[in-house]
Amino acid sequence: MKYIVKQSAFSLVSKFSILDENNIEKYYVEKKILSFGMHFNFYDNSQNELFEIKQDIGNFFPKFDLIKS
């Protein structure tokens, strides 16, 4: 299955839509604006949180933690 990631170019909310090949939204991702490092929350189309990705800023090299909900 092929997925397409779409982001609004001019949006105040950092939200990405993940669409299937039929252009139907299957998942969406919200990026937290006010956090240290990158922080993304992944949801299905029923608004259930699936997992989150957090950047560990305590390391010299980029490191990300994947936390399953």
C-alpha atoms as a PDB file:
ATOM      1  CA  MET A   1       0.000   0.000   0.000  1.00  0.00           C
ATOM      2  CA  LYS A   2       1.230   3.482  -0.867  1.00  0.00           C
ATOM      3  CA  TYR A   3       0.775   6.497   1.446  1.00  0.00           C
ATOM      4  CA  ILE A   4       0.985  10.211   0.702  1.00  0.00           C
ATOM      5  CA  VAL A   5       1.977  12.821   3.309  1.00  0.00           C
ATOM      6  CA  LYS A   6       0.379  16.254   2.927  1.00  0.00           C
ATOM      7  CA  GLN A   7       1.069  19.384   4.923  1.00  0.00           C
ATOM      8  CA  SER A   8      -0.596  22.750   4.569  1.00  0.00           C
ATOM      9  CA  ALA A   9       1.955  25.320   3.479  1.00  0.00           C
ATOM     10  CA  PHE A  10       0.300  28.199   5.314  1.00  0.00           C
ATOM     11  CA  SER A  11      -1.113  26.817   8.532  1.00  0.00           C
ATOM     12  CA  LEU A  12      -0.877  27.961  12.138  1.00  0.00           C
ATOM     13  CA  VAL A  13      -1.286  24.367  13.336  1.00  0.00           C
ATOM     14  CA  SER A  14       1.443  21.888  12.491  1.00  0.00           C
ATOM     15  CA  LYS A  15      -0.652  18.969  11.267  1.00  0.00           C
ATOM     16  CA  PHE A  16       0.262  16.496   8.559  1.00  0.00           C
ATOM     17  CA  SER A  17      -2.300  14.281   6.844  1.00  0.00           C
ATOM     18  CA  ILE A  18      -1.326  10.782   5.740  1.00  0.00           C
ATOM     19  CA  LEU A  19      -3.518   9.679   2.842  1.00  0.00           C
ATOM     20  CA  ASP A  20      -3.870   6.311   1.163  1.00  0.00           C
ATOM     21  CA  GLU A  21      -3.560   5.886  -2.588  1.00  0.00           C
ATOM     22  CA  ASN A  22      -7.282   6.754  -2.974  1.00  0.00           C
ATOM     23  CA  ASN A  23      -6.659  10.154  -1.335  1.00  0.00           C
ATOM     24  CA  ILE A  24      -8.535   9.176   1.864  1.00  0.00           C
ATOM     25  CA  GLU A  25      -7.056  10.335   5.174  1.00  0.00           C
ATOM     26  CA  LYS A  26      -5.949   7.299   7.189  1.00  0.00           C
ATOM     27  CA  TYR A  27      -3.690   8.930   9.790  1.00  0.00           C
ATOM     28  CA  TYR A  28      -2.595  12.358  10.884  1.00  0.00           C
ATOM     29  CA  VAL A  29       0.397  13.729  12.713  1.00  0.00           C
ATOM     30  CA  GLU A  30       0.523  16.710  15.043  1.00  0.00           C
ATOM     31  CA  LYS A  31       3.793  18.461  15.768  1.00  0.00           C
ATOM     32  CA  LYS A  32       4.166  20.150  19.122  1.00  0.00           C
ATOM     33  CA  ILE A  33       5.374  23.689  18.581  1.00  0.00           C
ATOM     34  CA  LEU A  34       6.598  24.605  22.068  1.00  0.00           C
ATOM     35  CA  SER A  35       8.882  21.719  22.992  1.00  0.00           C
ATOM     36  CA  PHE A  36      12.612  21.144  23.222  1.00  0.00           C
ATOM     37  CA  GLY A  37      13.555  19.084  20.204  1.00  0.00           C
ATOM     38  CA  MET A  38      11.101  17.585  17.754  1.00  0.00           C
ATOM     39  CA  HIS A  39       7.921  16.001  19.113  1.00  0.00           C
ATOM     40  CA  PHE A  40       5.302  14.316  16.896  1.00  0.00           C
ATOM     41  CA  ASN A  41       2.063  12.539  17.858  1.00  0.00           C
ATOM     42  CA  PHE A  42       0.533  10.049  15.396  1.00  0.00           C
ATOM     43  CA  TYR A  43      -3.249   9.396  15.356  1.00  0.00           C
ATOM     44  CA  ASP A  44      -5.635   7.257  13.340  1.00  0.00           C
ATOM     45  CA  ASN A  45      -8.716   8.809  11.740  1.00  0.00           C
ATOM     46  CA  SER A  46     -10.770   7.977  14.884  1.00  0.00           C
ATOM     47  CA  GLN A  47      -8.505  10.299  16.925  1.00  0.00           C
ATOM     48  CA  ASN A  48      -6.838   7.409  18.784  1.00  0.00           C
ATOM     49  CA  GLU A  49      -3.195   8.124  19.529  1.00  0.00           C
ATOM     50  CA  LEU A  50      -1.026   5.382  18.039  1.00  0.00           C
ATOM     51  CA  PHE A  51       2.450   6.505  19.084  1.00  0.00           C
ATOM     52  CA  GLU A  52       4.682   9.514  19.555  1.00  0.00           C
ATOM     53  CA  ILE A  53       8.199  10.352  18.462  1.00  0.00           C
ATOM     54  CA  LYS A  54      10.336  12.552  20.702  1.00  0.00           C
ATOM     55  CA  GLN A  55      13.817  13.833  20.027  1.00  0.00           C
ATOM     56  CA  ASP A  56      16.304  13.217  22.825  1.00  0.00           C
ATOM     57  CA  ILE A  57      18.255  16.487  22.975  1.00  0.00           C
ATOM     58  CA  GLY A  58      20.734  15.245  25.572  1.00  0.00           C
ATOM     59  CA  ASN A  59      22.936  13.559  22.950  1.00  0.00           C
ATOM     60  CA  PHE A  60      25.472  14.997  20.540  1.00  0.00           C
ATOM     61  CA  PHE A  61      24.047  12.939  17.666  1.00  0.00           C
ATOM     62  CA  PRO A  62      20.316  13.011  16.838  1.00  0.00           C
ATOM     63  CA  LYS A  63      18.402  10.356  18.768  1.00  0.00           C
ATOM     64  CA  PHE A  64      14.654   9.770  18.718  1.00  0.00           C
ATOM     65  CA  ASP A  65      12.443   7.827  21.120  1.00  0.00           C
ATOM     66  CA  LEU A  66       9.383   6.008  19.791  1.00  0.00           C
ATOM     67  CA  ILE A  67       6.698   5.657  22.465  1.00  0.00           C
ATOM     68  CA  LYS A  68       3.717   3.417  21.760  1.00  0.00           C
ATOM     69  CA  SER A  69       0.401   4.494  23.260  1.00  0.00           C
END
